[in-house]
Amino acid sequence: MRLLFVSDTHVPLRARRLPDALLAEMDKADVVVHAGDWVDVATLDVLEKRARRLVGVYGNNDGPELRARLPEVARVRLGGLRFGVVHETGQARGREERCAALYPDLDVLVFGHSHIPWDTEAPGGLRLLNPGSPTDRRRQPYCTYMTCTVTEGVLGEVVLHRLPRR
């Protein structure tokens, strides 16, 4: 199973549209996971139509229309692993321990908000993944997203993809 992780798209505030490379990757993915801050309902509509399966949550910049259609936290079993998706996890310091305590029933937690790519493991084995943002790099050198595979309950290599500067 091929997964695409994305967050903080901020369309149309930070970009007019999603990058072509991200859309092409979406066509290859079995599941697209979006960790919030869509900003625009049209972006949710595009992903719902284009993705084979979409798992998403709302973020702090998402208004009432998006909040009516998306949960704050999503939990889903994919390829034998227990995934959670949430927008915010709080400050970086103590994140692993805090998330392990909050989500003891998960194998992988995908989050966003900071626009900073993150890939760590918490005590007890919870994998924490933040794909960054494909449209707003902030202080990062590149806009980013992540892909990985899941095979028989095993998370394959997580790849951070850098998008060309606009």
C-alpha atoms as a PDB file:
ATOM      1  CA  MET A   1       0.000   0.000   0.000  1.00  0.00           C
ATOM      2  CA  ARG A   2       1.437   3.361  -1.065  1.00  0.00           C
ATOM      3  CA  LEU A   3       0.706   6.363   1.169  1.00  0.00           C
ATOM      4  CA  LEU A   4       1.068  10.086   0.523  1.00  0.00           C
ATOM      5  CA  PHE A   5       1.316  12.435   3.519  1.00  0.00           C
ATOM      6  CA  VAL A   6       0.637  16.147   3.076  1.00  0.00           C
ATOM      7  CA  SER A   7      -0.250  19.040   5.354  1.00  0.00           C
ATOM      8  CA  ASP A   8      -0.588  22.796   5.443  1.00  0.00           C
ATOM      9  CA  THR A   9      -1.549  23.320   1.808  1.00  0.00           C
ATOM     10  CA  HIS A  10      -2.921  26.818   2.560  1.00  0.00           C
ATOM     11  CA  VAL A  11      -4.473  27.226  -0.916  1.00  0.00           C
ATOM     12  CA  PRO A  12      -5.089  29.944  -2.106  1.00  0.00           C
ATOM     13  CA  LEU A  13      -3.273  31.975   0.573  1.00  0.00           C
ATOM     14  CA  ARG A  14       0.255  30.571   0.074  1.00  0.00           C
ATOM     15  CA  ALA A  15      -0.148  29.167  -3.445  1.00  0.00           C
ATOM     16  CA  ARG A  16      -2.762  29.460  -6.154  1.00  0.00           C
ATOM     17  CA  ARG A  17      -2.932  25.706  -6.540  1.00  0.00           C
ATOM     18  CA  LEU A  18      -1.290  22.464  -5.485  1.00  0.00           C
ATOM     19  CA  PRO A  19       2.071  21.688  -7.129  1.00  0.00           C
ATOM     20  CA  ASP A  20       1.976  19.401 -10.184  1.00  0.00           C
ATOM     21  CA  ALA A  21       4.475  16.978  -8.592  1.00  0.00           C
ATOM     22  CA  LEU A  22       2.170  16.550  -5.596  1.00  0.00           C
ATOM     23  CA  LEU A  23      -0.838  15.922  -7.851  1.00  0.00           C
ATOM     24  CA  ALA A  24       1.148  13.338  -9.826  1.00  0.00           C
ATOM     25  CA  GLU A  25       2.130  11.613  -6.581  1.00  0.00           C
ATOM     26  CA  MET A  26      -1.508  11.605  -5.529  1.00  0.00           C
ATOM     27  CA  ASP A  27      -2.362   9.563  -8.627  1.00  0.00           C
ATOM     28  CA  LYS A  28       0.128   6.867  -7.511  1.00  0.00           C
ATOM     29  CA  ALA A  29      -1.073   6.711  -3.902  1.00  0.00           C
ATOM     30  CA  ASP A  30      -3.540   4.211  -2.527  1.00  0.00           C
ATOM     31  CA  VAL A  31      -4.277   6.576   0.365  1.00  0.00           C
ATOM     32  CA  VAL A  32      -3.724  10.328   0.712  1.00  0.00           C
ATOM     33  CA  VAL A  33      -3.403  11.608   4.285  1.00  0.00           C
ATOM     34  CA  HIS A  34      -3.836  15.375   4.868  1.00  0.00           C
ATOM     35  CA  ALA A  35      -2.995  16.725   8.322  1.00  0.00           C
ATOM     36  CA  GLY A  36      -4.962  19.966   8.133  1.00  0.00           C
ATOM     37  CA  ASP A  37      -4.772  23.644   7.205  1.00  0.00           C
ATOM     38  CA  TRP A  38      -6.446  23.225   3.846  1.00  0.00           C
ATOM     39  CA  VAL A  39      -7.852  26.783   4.134  1.00  0.00           C
ATOM     40  CA  ASP A  40      -9.938  26.332   0.976  1.00  0.00           C
ATOM     41  CA  VAL A  41     -12.919  23.980   0.599  1.00  0.00           C
ATOM     42  CA  ALA A  42     -12.070  23.645  -3.104  1.00  0.00           C
ATOM     43  CA  THR A  43      -8.795  21.934  -2.164  1.00  0.00           C
ATOM     44  CA  LEU A  44     -10.678  19.353  -0.118  1.00  0.00           C
ATOM     45  CA  ASP A  45     -13.012  18.826  -3.080  1.00  0.00           C
ATOM     46  CA  VAL A  46     -10.044  18.264  -5.426  1.00  0.00           C
ATOM     47  CA  LEU A  47      -8.462  15.708  -3.107  1.00  0.00           C
ATOM     48  CA  GLU A  48     -11.750  13.901  -2.494  1.00  0.00           C
ATOM     49  CA  LYS A  49     -12.265  13.539  -6.245  1.00  0.00           C
ATOM     50  CA  ARG A  50      -8.690  12.681  -7.157  1.00  0.00           C
ATOM     51  CA  ALA A  51      -7.533  10.428  -4.299  1.00  0.00           C
ATOM     52  CA  ARG A  52      -8.461   6.752  -4.265  1.00  0.00           C
ATOM     53  CA  ARG A  53      -8.949   7.172  -0.531  1.00  0.00           C
ATOM     54  CA  LEU A  54      -8.565  10.329   1.551  1.00  0.00           C
ATOM     55  CA  VAL A  55      -8.009  10.610   5.287  1.00  0.00           C
ATOM     56  CA  GLY A  56      -7.954  14.187   6.530  1.00  0.00           C
ATOM     57  CA  VAL A  57      -8.442  16.460   9.512  1.00  0.00           C
ATOM     58  CA  TYR A  58      -9.003  20.170   9.951  1.00  0.00           C
ATOM     59  CA  GLY A  59      -6.340  22.572  11.154  1.00  0.00           C
ATOM     60  CA  ASN A  60      -6.278  25.835  13.056  1.00  0.00           C
ATOM     61  CA  ASN A  61      -6.660  27.895   9.837  1.00  0.00           C
ATOM     62  CA  ASP A  62      -9.670  25.922   8.588  1.00  0.00           C
ATOM     63  CA  GLY A  63     -13.059  27.601   8.860  1.00  0.00           C
ATOM     64  CA  PRO A  64     -16.541  26.284   9.640  1.00  0.00           C
ATOM     65  CA  GLU A  65     -17.147  24.676   6.220  1.00  0.00           C
ATOM     66  CA  LEU A  66     -14.031  22.511   6.490  1.00  0.00           C
ATOM     67  CA  ARG A  67     -14.644  21.751  10.164  1.00  0.00           C
ATOM     68  CA  ALA A  68     -18.136  20.545   9.265  1.00  0.00           C
ATOM     69  CA  ARG A  69     -16.660  18.020   6.812  1.00  0.00           C
ATOM     70  CA  LEU A  70     -13.497  16.913   8.631  1.00  0.00           C
ATOM     71  CA  PRO A  71     -12.695  15.625  12.129  1.00  0.00           C
ATOM     72  CA  GLU A  72     -10.120  17.140  14.482  1.00  0.00           C
ATOM     73  CA  VAL A  73      -8.476  13.721  14.873  1.00  0.00           C
ATOM     74  CA  ALA A  74      -8.750  10.765  12.473  1.00  0.00           C
ATOM     75  CA  ARG A  75      -7.879   7.148  13.222  1.00  0.00           C
ATOM     76  CA  VAL A  76      -7.594   4.521  10.523  1.00  0.00           C
ATOM     77  CA  ARG A  77      -6.042   1.099  10.004  1.00  0.00           C
ATOM     78  CA  LEU A  78      -3.914   0.959   6.837  1.00  0.00           C
ATOM     79  CA  GLY A  79      -2.006  -2.132   5.772  1.00  0.00           C
ATOM     80  CA  GLY A  80      -2.225  -3.573   9.264  1.00  0.00           C
ATOM     81  CA  LEU A  81      -0.927  -0.461  11.064  1.00  0.00           C
ATOM     82  CA  ARG A  82      -2.913   1.905  13.281  1.00  0.00           C
ATOM     83  CA  PHE A  83      -2.577   5.472  11.973  1.00  0.00           C
ATOM     84  CA  GLY A  84      -3.718   8.690  13.583  1.00  0.00           C
ATOM     85  CA  VAL A  85      -3.889  12.116  11.977  1.00  0.00           C
ATOM     86  CA  VAL A  86      -4.021  15.432  13.840  1.00  0.00           C
ATOM     87  CA  HIS A  87      -2.988  18.953  12.943  1.00  0.00           C
ATOM     88  CA  GLU A  88      -1.279  20.213  16.104  1.00  0.00           C
ATOM     89  CA  THR A  89       0.903  18.357  18.602  1.00  0.00           C
ATOM     90  CA  GLY A  90       2.297  21.328  20.548  1.00  0.00           C
ATOM     91  CA  GLN A  91       5.883  22.470  20.879  1.00  0.00           C
ATOM     92  CA  ALA A  92       8.752  20.327  19.612  1.00  0.00           C
ATOM     93  CA  ARG A  93      10.278  19.864  23.071  1.00  0.00           C
ATOM     94  CA  GLY A  94       8.682  16.807  24.653  1.00  0.00           C
ATOM     95  CA  ARG A  95       6.626  15.950  21.559  1.00  0.00           C
ATOM     96  CA  GLU A  96       7.526  12.256  21.505  1.00  0.00           C
ATOM     97  CA  GLU A  97       6.614  11.625  25.134  1.00  0.00           C
ATOM     98  CA  ARG A  98       3.486  13.790  24.946  1.00  0.00           C
ATOM     99  CA  CYS A  99       2.172  12.071  21.809  1.00  0.00           C
ATOM    100  CA  ALA A 100       2.985   8.605  23.142  1.00  0.00           C
ATOM    101  CA  ALA A 101       0.852   9.401  26.190  1.00  0.00           C
ATOM    102  CA  LEU A 102      -1.989  10.934  24.152  1.00  0.00           C
ATOM    103  CA  TYR A 103      -2.081   8.244  21.446  1.00  0.00           C
ATOM    104  CA  PRO A 104      -1.061   4.932  23.061  1.00  0.00           C
ATOM    105  CA  ASP A 105      -3.303   3.023  20.627  1.00  0.00           C
ATOM    106  CA  LEU A 106      -1.418   4.129  17.469  1.00  0.00           C
ATOM    107  CA  ASP A 107       1.580   2.895  15.507  1.00  0.00           C
ATOM    108  CA  VAL A 108       1.985   6.085  13.416  1.00  0.00           C
ATOM    109  CA  LEU A 109       0.856   9.674  14.032  1.00  0.00           C
ATOM    110  CA  VAL A 110       0.830  12.081  11.079  1.00  0.00           C
ATOM    111  CA  PHE A 111       0.670  15.759  12.049  1.00  0.00           C
ATOM    112  CA  GLY A 112       1.231  19.215  10.603  1.00  0.00           C
ATOM    113  CA  HIS A 113       1.054  22.848  11.735  1.00  0.00           C
ATOM    114  CA  SER A 114       4.754  23.727  11.994  1.00  0.00           C
ATOM    115  CA  HIS A 115       5.594  23.303   8.275  1.00  0.00           C
ATOM    116  CA  ILE A 116       8.756  21.592   9.549  1.00  0.00           C
ATOM    117  CA  PRO A 117       9.331  18.020   8.339  1.00  0.00           C
ATOM    118  CA  TRP A 118       9.609  15.612  11.263  1.00  0.00           C
ATOM    119  CA  ASP A 119      10.343  11.894  11.504  1.00  0.00           C
ATOM    120  CA  THR A 120      11.007  10.471  14.950  1.00  0.00           C
ATOM    121  CA  GLU A 121      10.015   7.563  17.146  1.00  0.00           C
ATOM    122  CA  ALA A 122       8.530   8.008  20.604  1.00  0.00           C
ATOM    123  CA  PRO A 123       9.141   5.738  23.591  1.00  0.00           C
ATOM    124  CA  GLY A 124       7.064   2.638  23.026  1.00  0.00           C
ATOM    125  CA  GLY A 125       7.493   2.791  19.259  1.00  0.00           C
ATOM    126  CA  LEU A 126       4.999   5.452  18.076  1.00  0.00           C
ATOM    127  CA  ARG A 127       6.330   6.897  14.793  1.00  0.00           C
ATOM    128  CA  LEU A 128       5.752  10.650  14.431  1.00  0.00           C
ATOM    129  CA  LEU A 129       5.648  12.091  10.906  1.00  0.00           C
ATOM    130  CA  ASN A 130       5.160  15.666   9.721  1.00  0.00           C
ATOM    131  CA  PRO A 131       5.372  16.053   5.930  1.00  0.00           C
ATOM    132  CA  GLY A 132       5.996  19.809   6.083  1.00  0.00           C
ATOM    133  CA  SER A 133       4.120  21.917   3.539  1.00  0.00           C
ATOM    134  CA  PRO A 134       4.048  21.608  -0.267  1.00  0.00           C
ATOM    135  CA  THR A 135       3.188  25.302  -0.674  1.00  0.00           C
ATOM    136  CA  ASP A 136       4.666  27.291   2.226  1.00  0.00           C
ATOM    137  CA  ARG A 137       8.223  26.441   3.243  1.00  0.00           C
ATOM    138  CA  ARG A 138       8.448  29.200   5.864  1.00  0.00           C
ATOM    139  CA  ARG A 139      11.950  28.896   7.333  1.00  0.00           C
ATOM    140  CA  GLN A 140      12.650  25.580   5.617  1.00  0.00           C
ATOM    141  CA  PRO A 141      14.854  25.343   2.511  1.00  0.00           C
ATOM    142  CA  TYR A 142      12.146  23.537   0.494  1.00  0.00           C
ATOM    143  CA  CYS A 143       8.446  22.871   0.310  1.00  0.00           C
ATOM    144  CA  THR A 144       7.886  19.175   1.064  1.00  0.00           C
ATOM    145  CA  TYR A 145       5.599  16.161   1.322  1.00  0.00           C
ATOM    146  CA  MET A 146       6.180  12.502   2.332  1.00  0.00           C
ATOM    147  CA  THR A 147       5.495   9.075   0.875  1.00  0.00           C
ATOM    148  CA  CYS A 148       5.897   5.580   2.228  1.00  0.00           C
ATOM    149  CA  THR A 149       4.659   2.053   1.794  1.00  0.00           C
ATOM    150  CA  VAL A 150       3.012  -0.307   4.239  1.00  0.00           C
ATOM    151  CA  THR A 151       3.355  -4.039   3.663  1.00  0.00           C
ATOM    152  CA  GLU A 152       1.861  -6.640   5.981  1.00  0.00           C
ATOM    153  CA  GLY A 153       1.901  -4.342   8.997  1.00  0.00           C
ATOM    154  CA  VAL A 154       5.387  -2.963   8.375  1.00  0.00           C
ATOM    155  CA  LEU A 155       6.007   0.701   7.607  1.00  0.00           C
ATOM    156  CA  GLY A 156       8.469   0.907   4.725  1.00  0.00           C
ATOM    157  CA  GLU A 157      10.990   3.646   4.112  1.00  0.00           C
ATOM    158  CA  VAL A 158       9.518   7.105   4.655  1.00  0.00           C
ATOM    159  CA  VAL A 159      10.685   9.456   1.904  1.00  0.00           C
ATOM    160  CA  LEU A 160      10.677  13.232   2.274  1.00  0.00           C
ATOM    161  CA  HIS A 161      10.175  14.796  -1.152  1.00  0.00           C
ATOM    162  CA  ARG A 162      11.519  18.274  -1.839  1.00  0.00           C
ATOM    163  CA  LEU A 163       9.635  20.405  -4.343  1.00  0.00           C
ATOM    164  CA  PRO A 164      11.480  22.803  -6.651  1.00  0.00           C
ATOM    165  CA  ARG A 165      11.488  26.409  -5.529  1.00  0.00           C
ATOM    166  CA  ARG A 166       8.857  28.530  -7.212  1.00  0.00           C
END
